PDB file of N, CA and C in Angstrom:
ATOM      1  N   MET A   1      33.841  13.093   0.243  1.00  0.00           N
ATOM      2  CA  MET A   1      33.110  12.511   1.346  1.00  0.00           C
ATOM      3  C   MET A   1      33.891  12.610   2.644  1.00  0.00           C
ATOM      4  N   SER A   2      35.205  12.556   2.552  1.00  0.00           N
ATOM      5  CA  SER A   2      36.008  12.628   3.766  1.00  0.00           C
ATOM      6  C   SER A   2      35.889  14.003   4.415  1.00  0.00           C
ATOM      7  N   ASN A   3      35.623  15.051   3.618  1.00  0.00           N
ATOM      8  CA  ASN A   3      35.442  16.376   4.187  1.00  0.00           C
ATOM      9  C   ASN A   3      34.192  16.421   5.064  1.00  0.00           C
ATOM     10  N   LEU A   4      33.115  15.815   4.602  1.00  0.00           N
ATOM     11  CA  LEU A   4      31.893  15.745   5.402  1.00  0.00           C
ATOM     12  C   LEU A   4      32.127  14.951   6.684  1.00  0.00           C
ATOM     13  N   ALA A   5      32.875  13.873   6.591  1.00  0.00           N
ATOM     14  CA  ALA A   5      33.188  13.070   7.776  1.00  0.00           C
ATOM     15  C   ALA A   5      33.999  13.871   8.776  1.00  0.00           C
ATOM     16  N   ASN A   6      34.930  14.678   8.296  1.00  0.00           N
ATOM     17  CA  ASN A   6      35.728  15.504   9.198  1.00  0.00           C
ATOM     18  C   ASN A   6      34.897  16.584   9.857  1.00  0.00           C
ATOM     19  N   VAL A   7      33.903  17.098   9.142  1.00  0.00           N
ATOM     20  CA  VAL A   7      33.031  18.125   9.715  1.00  0.00           C
ATOM     21  C   VAL A   7      32.112  17.512  10.771  1.00  0.00           C
ATOM     22  N   LEU A   8      31.592  16.338  10.515  1.00  0.00           N
ATOM     23  CA  LEU A   8      30.643  15.711  11.435  1.00  0.00           C
ATOM     24  C   LEU A   8      31.310  14.975  12.599  1.00  0.00           C
ATOM     25  N   ARG A   9      32.591  14.700  12.523  1.00  0.00           N
ATOM     26  CA  ARG A   9      33.268  13.908  13.544  1.00  0.00           C
ATOM     27  C   ARG A   9      33.126  14.476  14.955  1.00  0.00           C
ATOM     28  N   PRO A  10      33.323  15.789  15.206  1.00  0.00           N
ATOM     29  CA  PRO A  10      33.169  16.286  16.580  1.00  0.00           C
ATOM     30  C   PRO A  10      31.746  16.109  17.119  1.00  0.00           C
ATOM     31  N   THR A  11      30.760  16.328  16.270  1.00  0.00           N
ATOM     32  CA  THR A  11      29.373  16.170  16.705  1.00  0.00           C
ATOM     33  C   THR A  11      29.066  14.711  17.012  1.00  0.00           C
ATOM     34  N   LEU A  12      29.512  13.808  16.159  1.00  0.00           N
ATOM     35  CA  LEU A  12      29.255  12.388  16.390  1.00  0.00           C
ATOM     36  C   LEU A  12      30.020  11.869  17.607  1.00  0.00           C
ATOM     37  N   ASP A  13      31.234  12.341  17.800  1.00  0.00           N
ATOM     38  CA  ASP A  13      31.981  11.943  18.996  1.00  0.00           C
ATOM     39  C   ASP A  13      31.280  12.406  20.262  1.00  0.00           C
ATOM     40  N   TRP A  14      30.747  13.633  20.239  1.00  0.00           N
ATOM     41  CA  TRP A  14      30.006  14.146  21.390  1.00  0.00           C
ATOM     42  C   TRP A  14      28.770  13.280  21.653  1.00  0.00           C
ATOM     43  N   ALA A  15      28.051  12.910  20.594  1.00  0.00           N
ATOM     44  CA  ALA A  15      26.832  12.121  20.753  1.00  0.00           C
ATOM     45  C   ALA A  15      27.136  10.717  21.264  1.00  0.00           C
ATOM     46  N   TYR A  16      28.193  10.089  20.785  1.00  0.00           N
ATOM     47  CA  TYR A  16      28.521   8.727  21.202  1.00  0.00           C
ATOM     48  C   TYR A  16      29.003   8.664  22.648  1.00  0.00           C
ATOM     49  N   ARG A  17      29.546   9.759  23.150  1.00  0.00           N
ATOM     50  CA  ARG A  17      29.966   9.783  24.548  1.00  0.00           C
ATOM     51  C   ARG A  17      28.787   9.964  25.494  1.00  0.00           C
ATOM     52  N   ARG A  18      27.615  10.297  24.986  1.00  0.00           N
ATOM     53  CA  ARG A  18      26.418  10.511  25.799  1.00  0.00           C
ATOM     54  C   ARG A  18      25.283   9.607  25.309  1.00  0.00           C
ATOM     55  N   PRO A  19      25.383   8.304  25.541  1.00  0.00           N
ATOM     56  CA  PRO A  19      24.393   7.394  24.973  1.00  0.00           C
ATOM     57  C   PRO A  19      23.021   7.512  25.613  1.00  0.00           C
ATOM     58  N   ARG A  20      22.910   8.115  26.781  1.00  0.00           N
ATOM     59  CA  ARG A  20      21.592   8.253  27.407  1.00  0.00           C
ATOM     60  C   ARG A  20      20.938   9.582  27.082  1.00  0.00           C
ATOM     61  N   VAL A  21      21.733  10.616  26.899  1.00  0.00           N
ATOM     62  CA  VAL A  21      21.191  11.960  26.717  1.00  0.00           C
ATOM     63  C   VAL A  21      20.838  12.242  25.259  1.00  0.00           C
ATOM     64  N   PHE A  22      21.670  11.811  24.339  1.00  0.00           N
ATOM     65  CA  PHE A  22      21.478  12.160  22.932  1.00  0.00           C
ATOM     66  C   PHE A  22      20.165  11.612  22.343  1.00  0.00           C
ATOM     67  N   PRO A  23      19.822  10.322  22.528  1.00  0.00           N
ATOM     68  CA  PRO A  23      18.545   9.844  21.964  1.00  0.00           C
ATOM     69  C   PRO A  23      17.340  10.555  22.572  1.00  0.00           C
ATOM     70  N   LEU A  24      17.401  10.841  23.859  1.00  0.00           N
ATOM     71  CA  LEU A  24      16.300  11.563  24.498  1.00  0.00           C
ATOM     72  C   LEU A  24      16.174  12.968  23.913  1.00  0.00           C
ATOM     73  N   GLY A  25      17.279  13.634  23.727  1.00  0.00           N
ATOM     74  CA  GLY A  25      17.239  14.974  23.145  1.00  0.00           C
ATOM     75  C   GLY A  25      16.678  14.985  21.737  1.00  0.00           C
ATOM     76  N   ILE A  26      17.050  14.004  20.941  1.00  0.00           N
ATOM     77  CA  ILE A  26      16.522  13.914  19.571  1.00  0.00           C
ATOM     78  C   ILE A  26      15.019  13.633  19.594  1.00  0.00           C
ATOM     79  N   ASP A  27      14.574  12.743  20.465  1.00  0.00           N
ATOM     80  CA  ASP A  27      13.145  12.438  20.563  1.00  0.00           C
ATOM     81  C   ASP A  27      12.344  13.667  21.008  1.00  0.00           C
ATOM     82  N   LEU A  28      12.861  14.402  21.974  1.00  0.00           N
ATOM     83  CA  LEU A  28      12.150  15.590  22.457  1.00  0.00           C
ATOM     84  C   LEU A  28      12.118  16.682  21.395  1.00  0.00           C
ATOM     85  N   ALA A  29      13.202  16.837  20.654  1.00  0.00           N
ATOM     86  CA  ALA A  29      13.214  17.819  19.567  1.00  0.00           C
ATOM     87  C   ALA A  29      12.218  17.434  18.476  1.00  0.00           C
ATOM     88  N   ALA A  30      12.087  16.137  18.210  1.00  0.00           N
ATOM     89  CA  ALA A  30      11.107  15.679  17.215  1.00  0.00           C
ATOM     90  C   ALA A  30       9.682  15.976  17.673  1.00  0.00           C
ATOM     91  N   TRP A  31       9.403  15.779  18.970  1.00  0.00           N
ATOM     92  CA  TRP A  31       8.080  16.112  19.508  1.00  0.00           C
ATOM     93  C   TRP A  31       7.783  17.602  19.333  1.00  0.00           C
ATOM     94  N   LEU A  32       8.738  18.444  19.707  1.00  0.00           N
ATOM     95  CA  LEU A  32       8.509  19.889  19.592  1.00  0.00           C
ATOM     96  C   LEU A  32       8.310  20.317  18.148  1.00  0.00           C
ATOM     97  N   ALA A  33       9.121  19.797  17.247  1.00  0.00           N
ATOM     98  CA  ALA A  33       8.980  20.155  15.829  1.00  0.00           C
ATOM     99  C   ALA A  33       7.645  19.660  15.278  1.00  0.00           C
ATOM    100  N   GLY A  34       7.273  18.438  15.609  1.00  0.00           N
ATOM    101  CA  GLY A  34       6.007  17.896  15.121  1.00  0.00           C
ATOM    102  C   GLY A  34       4.799  18.646  15.645  1.00  0.00           C
ATOM    103  N   LEU A  35       4.818  18.980  16.922  1.00  0.00           N
ATOM    104  CA  LEU A  35       3.702  19.742  17.494  1.00  0.00           C
ATOM    105  C   LEU A  35       3.610  21.139  16.898  1.00  0.00           C
ATOM    106  N   ALA A  36       4.753  21.788  16.702  1.00  0.00           N
ATOM    107  CA  ALA A  36       4.747  23.131  16.123  1.00  0.00           C
ATOM    108  C   ALA A  36       4.233  23.112  14.686  1.00  0.00           C
ATOM    109  N   ILE A  37       4.707  22.165  13.896  1.00  0.00           N
ATOM    110  CA  ILE A  37       4.253  22.072  12.509  1.00  0.00           C
ATOM    111  C   ILE A  37       2.766  21.731  12.449  1.00  0.00           C
ATOM    112  N   GLY A  38       2.335  20.785  13.290  1.00  0.00           N
ATOM    113  CA  GLY A  38       0.910  20.433  13.319  1.00  0.00           C
ATOM    114  C   GLY A  38       0.029  21.586  13.737  1.00  0.00           C
ATOM    115  N   ALA A  39       0.457  22.357  14.735  1.00  0.00           N
ATOM    116  CA  ALA A  39      -0.345  23.496  15.191  1.00  0.00           C
ATOM    117  C   ALA A  39      -0.419  24.581  14.129  1.00  0.00           C
ATOM    118  N   ILE A  40       0.685  24.844  13.470  1.00  0.00           N
ATOM    119  CA  ILE A  40       0.687  25.877  12.431  1.00  0.00           C
ATOM    120  C   ILE A  40      -0.183  25.454  11.256  1.00  0.00           C
ATOM    121  N   LEU A  41      -0.116  24.190  10.861  1.00  0.00           N
ATOM    122  CA  LEU A  41      -0.958  23.726   9.749  1.00  0.00           C
ATOM    123  C   LEU A  41      -2.428  23.696  10.123  1.00  0.00           C
ATOM    124  N   LYS A  42      -2.732  23.337  11.370  1.00  0.00           N
ATOM    125  CA  LYS A  42      -4.132  23.310  11.799  1.00  0.00           C
ATOM    126  C   LYS A  42      -4.729  24.709  11.824  1.00  0.00           C
ATOM    127  N   LEU A  43      -3.917  25.669  12.197  1.00  0.00           N
ATOM    128  CA  LEU A  43      -4.399  27.044  12.264  1.00  0.00           C
ATOM    129  C   LEU A  43      -4.210  27.779  10.942  1.00  0.00           C
ATOM    130  N   VAL A  44      -4.157  27.043   9.849  1.00  0.00           N
ATOM    131  CA  VAL A  44      -4.073  27.565   8.486  1.00  0.00           C
ATOM    132  C   VAL A  44      -2.915  28.545   8.348  1.00  0.00           C
ATOM    133  N   LEU A  45      -1.734  28.052   8.735  1.00  0.00           N
ATOM    134  CA  LEU A  45      -0.485  28.783   8.584  1.00  0.00           C
ATOM    135  C   LEU A  45      -0.482  30.132   9.293  1.00  0.00           C
ATOM    136  N   SER A  46      -1.241  30.256  10.351  1.00  0.00           N
ATOM    137  CA  SER A  46      -1.263  31.477  11.147  1.00  0.00           C
ATOM    138  C   SER A  46      -0.285  31.316  12.302  1.00  0.00           C
ATOM    139  N   VAL A  47       0.936  31.766  12.117  1.00  0.00           N
ATOM    140  CA  VAL A  47       1.984  31.570  13.105  1.00  0.00           C
ATOM    141  C   VAL A  47       1.711  32.391  14.364  1.00  0.00           C
ATOM    142  N   GLY A  48       1.051  33.535  14.239  1.00  0.00           N
ATOM    143  CA  GLY A  48       0.801  34.407  15.386  1.00  0.00           C
ATOM    144  C   GLY A  48      -0.087  33.787  16.442  1.00  0.00           C
ATOM    145  N   SER A  49      -0.982  32.853  16.073  1.00  0.00           N
ATOM    146  CA  SER A  49      -1.886  32.269  17.060  1.00  0.00           C
ATOM    147  C   SER A  49      -1.260  31.141  17.865  1.00  0.00           C
ATOM    148  N   VAL A  50      -0.105  30.659  17.439  1.00  0.00           N
ATOM    149  CA  VAL A  50       0.563  29.583  18.162  1.00  0.00           C
ATOM    150  C   VAL A  50       1.366  30.235  19.272  1.00  0.00           C
ATOM    151  N   GLY A  51       1.067  29.877  20.503  1.00  0.00           N
ATOM    152  CA  GLY A  51       1.744  30.557  21.603  1.00  0.00           C
ATOM    153  C   GLY A  51       1.881  29.698  22.832  1.00  0.00           C
ATOM    154  N   PHE A  52       1.300  30.196  23.895  1.00  0.00           N
ATOM    155  CA  PHE A  52       1.459  29.569  25.199  1.00  0.00           C
ATOM    156  C   PHE A  52       0.884  28.155  25.228  1.00  0.00           C
ATOM    157  N   GLU A  53      -0.227  27.917  24.547  1.00  0.00           N
ATOM    158  CA  GLU A  53      -0.829  26.586  24.535  1.00  0.00           C
ATOM    159  C   GLU A  53       0.119  25.560  23.925  1.00  0.00           C
ATOM    160  N   LEU A  54       0.811  25.959  22.861  1.00  0.00           N
ATOM    161  CA  LEU A  54       1.772  25.058  22.234  1.00  0.00           C
ATOM    162  C   LEU A  54       2.938  24.771  23.177  1.00  0.00           C
ATOM    163  N   PHE A  55       3.373  25.777  23.915  1.00  0.00           N
ATOM    164  CA  PHE A  55       4.442  25.595  24.882  1.00  0.00           C
ATOM    165  C   PHE A  55       4.028  24.596  25.957  1.00  0.00           C
ATOM    166  N   VAL A  56       2.826  24.750  26.507  1.00  0.00           N
ATOM    167  CA  VAL A  56       2.340  23.835  27.548  1.00  0.00           C
ATOM    168  C   VAL A  56       2.192  22.422  26.994  1.00  0.00           C
ATOM    169  N   LEU A  57       1.651  22.292  25.797  1.00  0.00           N
ATOM    170  CA  LEU A  57       1.499  20.978  25.174  1.00  0.00           C
ATOM    171  C   LEU A  57       2.861  20.343  24.909  1.00  0.00           C
ATOM    172  N   GLY A  58       3.826  21.141  24.471  1.00  0.00           N
ATOM    173  CA  GLY A  58       5.169  20.624  24.217  1.00  0.00           C
ATOM    174  C   GLY A  58       5.851  20.145  25.487  1.00  0.00           C
ATOM    175  N   VAL A  59       5.732  20.903  26.568  1.00  0.00           N
ATOM    176  CA  VAL A  59       6.327  20.488  27.842  1.00  0.00           C
ATOM    177  C   VAL A  59       5.659  19.212  28.349  1.00  0.00           C
ATOM    178  N   GLY A  60       4.342  19.122  28.208  1.00  0.00           N
ATOM    179  CA  GLY A  60       3.635  17.906  28.625  1.00  0.00           C
ATOM    180  C   GLY A  60       4.064  16.692  27.818  1.00  0.00           C
ATOM    181  N   ALA A  61       4.198  16.861  26.510  1.00  0.00           N
ATOM    182  CA  ALA A  61       4.640  15.753  25.658  1.00  0.00           C
ATOM    183  C   ALA A  61       6.063  15.336  26.009  1.00  0.00           C
ATOM    184  N   MET A  62       6.922  16.304  26.321  1.00  0.00           N
ATOM    185  CA  MET A  62       8.299  15.987  26.684  1.00  0.00           C
ATOM    186  C   MET A  62       8.366  15.214  27.998  1.00  0.00           C
ATOM    187  N   ILE A  63       7.543  15.605  28.959  1.00  0.00           N
ATOM    188  CA  ILE A  63       7.522  14.900  30.248  1.00  0.00           C
ATOM    189  C   ILE A  63       7.017  13.474  30.070  1.00  0.00           C
ATOM    190  N   LEU A  64       5.942  13.300  29.298  1.00  0.00           N
ATOM    191  CA  LEU A  64       5.404  11.962  29.062  1.00  0.00           C
ATOM    192  C   LEU A  64       6.387  11.089  28.284  1.00  0.00           C
ATOM    193  N   GLN A  65       7.041  11.652  27.272  1.00  0.00           N
ATOM    194  CA  GLN A  65       8.017  10.895  26.486  1.00  0.00           C
ATOM    195  C   GLN A  65       9.165  10.429  27.368  1.00  0.00           C
ATOM    196  N   THR A  66       9.660  11.322  28.214  1.00  0.00           N
ATOM    197  CA  THR A  66      10.761  10.967  29.106  1.00  0.00           C
ATOM    198  C   THR A  66      10.335   9.889  30.094  1.00  0.00           C
ATOM    199  N   GLY A  67       9.147  10.033  30.667  1.00  0.00           N
ATOM    200  CA  GLY A  67       8.660   9.043  31.639  1.00  0.00           C
ATOM    201  C   GLY A  67       8.440   7.674  31.028  1.00  0.00           C
ATOM    202  N   PHE A  68       7.725   7.637  29.917  1.00  0.00           N
ATOM    203  CA  PHE A  68       7.462   6.353  29.269  1.00  0.00           C
ATOM    204  C   PHE A  68       8.733   5.727  28.710  1.00  0.00           C
ATOM    205  N   GLY A  69       9.618   6.556  28.169  1.00  0.00           N
ATOM    206  CA  GLY A  69      10.879   6.037  27.645  1.00  0.00           C
ATOM    207  C   GLY A  69      11.763   5.477  28.742  1.00  0.00           C
ATOM    208  N   TRP A  70      11.775   6.144  29.887  1.00  0.00           N
ATOM    209  CA  TRP A  70      12.571   5.643  31.015  1.00  0.00           C
ATOM    210  C   TRP A  70      11.957   4.351  31.550  1.00  0.00           C
ATOM    211  N   PHE A  71      10.625   4.326  31.651  1.00  0.00           N
ATOM    212  CA  PHE A  71       9.941   3.128  32.152  1.00  0.00           C
ATOM    213  C   PHE A  71      10.162   1.933  31.218  1.00  0.00           C
ATOM    214  N   ALA A  72      10.132   2.172  29.912  1.00  0.00           N
ATOM    215  CA  ALA A  72      10.327   1.089  28.940  1.00  0.00           C
ATOM    216  C   ALA A  72      11.784   0.674  28.825  1.00  0.00           C
ATOM    217  N   GLY A  73      12.699   1.478  29.350  1.00  0.00           N
ATOM    218  CA  GLY A  73      14.109   1.130  29.312  1.00  0.00           C
ATOM    219  C   GLY A  73      14.862   1.687  28.121  1.00  0.00           C
ATOM    220  N   VAL A  74      14.198   2.486  27.307  1.00  0.00           N
ATOM    221  CA  VAL A  74      14.837   3.012  26.107  1.00  0.00           C
ATOM    222  C   VAL A  74      15.964   3.978  26.466  1.00  0.00           C
ATOM    223  N   TYR A  75      15.743   4.828  27.459  1.00  0.00           N
ATOM    224  CA  TYR A  75      16.737   5.841  27.814  1.00  0.00           C
ATOM    225  C   TYR A  75      17.668   5.382  28.938  1.00  0.00           C
ATOM    226  N   ARG A  76      17.518   4.160  29.399  1.00  0.00           N
ATOM    227  CA  ARG A  76      18.432   3.616  30.410  1.00  0.00           C
ATOM    228  C   ARG A  76      19.556   2.818  29.772  1.00  0.00           C
ATOM    229  N   HIS A  77      19.608   2.846  28.448  1.00  0.00           N
ATOM    230  CA  HIS A  77      20.674   2.202  27.672  1.00  0.00           C
ATOM    231  C   HIS A  77      20.722   0.696  27.942  1.00  0.00           C
ATOM    232  N   ARG A  78      19.559   0.091  27.950  1.00  0.00           N
ATOM    233  CA  ARG A  78      19.503  -1.349  28.195  1.00  0.00           C
ATOM    234  C   ARG A  78      19.806  -2.149  26.937  1.00  0.00           C
ATOM    235  N   TRP A  79      19.501  -1.574  25.769  1.00  0.00           N
ATOM    236  CA  TRP A  79      19.695  -2.282  24.504  1.00  0.00           C
ATOM    237  C   TRP A  79      20.437  -1.385  23.536  1.00  0.00           C
ATOM    238  N   ARG A  80      20.968  -1.990  22.487  1.00  0.00           N
ATOM    239  CA  ARG A  80      21.546  -1.200  21.408  1.00  0.00           C
ATOM    240  C   ARG A  80      20.435  -0.456  20.689  1.00  0.00           C
ATOM    241  N   VAL A  81      20.750   0.714  20.202  1.00  0.00           N
ATOM    242  CA  VAL A  81      19.758   1.534  19.500  1.00  0.00           C
ATOM    243  C   VAL A  81      19.332   0.823  18.222  1.00  0.00           C
ATOM    244  N   SER A  82      18.037   0.767  17.984  1.00  0.00           N
ATOM    245  CA  SER A  82      17.417   0.150  16.807  1.00  0.00           C
ATOM    246  C   SER A  82      17.623  -1.356  16.735  1.00  0.00           C
ATOM    247  N   SER A  83      17.887  -1.991  17.856  1.00  0.00           N
ATOM    248  CA  SER A  83      18.026  -3.444  17.854  1.00  0.00           C
ATOM    249  C   SER A  83      16.642  -4.080  17.981  1.00  0.00           C
ATOM    250  N   PHE A  84      16.585  -5.368  17.735  1.00  0.00           N
ATOM    251  CA  PHE A  84      15.307  -6.083  17.841  1.00  0.00           C
ATOM    252  C   PHE A  84      14.781  -6.026  19.272  1.00  0.00           C
ATOM    253  N   ASP A  85      15.683  -6.108  20.257  1.00  0.00           N
ATOM    254  CA  ASP A  85      15.252  -6.060  21.658  1.00  0.00           C
ATOM    255  C   ASP A  85      14.640  -4.709  22.012  1.00  0.00           C
ATOM    256  N   GLU A  86      15.218  -3.637  21.510  1.00  0.00           N
ATOM    257  CA  GLU A  86      14.666  -2.313  21.797  1.00  0.00           C
ATOM    258  C   GLU A  86      13.302  -2.149  21.125  1.00  0.00           C
ATOM    259  N   ILE A  87      13.170  -2.615  19.902  1.00  0.00           N
ATOM    260  CA  ILE A  87      11.884  -2.516  19.203  1.00  0.00           C
ATOM    261  C   ILE A  87      10.828  -3.358  19.920  1.00  0.00           C
ATOM    262  N   SER A  88      11.206  -4.517  20.438  1.00  0.00           N
ATOM    263  CA  SER A  88      10.263  -5.331  21.192  1.00  0.00           C
ATOM    264  C   SER A  88       9.796  -4.626  22.453  1.00  0.00           C
ATOM    265  N   ALA A  89      10.709  -3.934  23.128  1.00  0.00           N
ATOM    266  CA  ALA A  89      10.338  -3.191  24.340  1.00  0.00           C
ATOM    267  C   ALA A  89       9.427  -2.011  23.997  1.00  0.00           C
ATOM    268  N   LEU A  90       9.682  -1.360  22.878  1.00  0.00           N
ATOM    269  CA  LEU A  90       8.849  -0.234  22.479  1.00  0.00           C
ATOM    270  C   LEU A  90       7.448  -0.684  22.078  1.00  0.00           C
ATOM    271  N   SER A  91       7.334  -1.867  21.518  1.00  0.00           N
ATOM    272  CA  SER A  91       6.011  -2.333  21.103  1.00  0.00           C
ATOM    273  C   SER A  91       5.115  -2.656  22.292  1.00  0.00           C
ATOM    274  N   VAL A  92       5.724  -2.986  23.417  1.00  0.00           N
ATOM    275  CA  VAL A  92       4.945  -3.260  24.633  1.00  0.00           C
ATOM    276  C   VAL A  92       4.370  -1.963  25.120  1.00  0.00           C
TER     277      VAL A  92
END
C-alpha cells in the first residue's frame, strides 16, 4: 500500500495546493465524460455522429457549472469539501 501512496503523493500534493482549481476541474471533466457517454449511448453507439454539437453542449455545461458553482460559493473555497455547510449551499 505504501507504494501506491508514493505514486499518488505528487498528484495529491499538486491538488491540495490548488483548492479552488482542482474541484472545478474534476466537476468539468465529469460533465464532459457524462455528456459524451450519454450522446454515444443515445445515438446507439455511433461514435462518428458525435461531433460539433457535443462540443457546444459541453462548453455550455462547463460555463453554467462554473457560474453556478461560483455563485453558490463552492469554488470560492468558502467551506470544506463535502462538509454539511457545502451540501447545504448546494441544495439551495
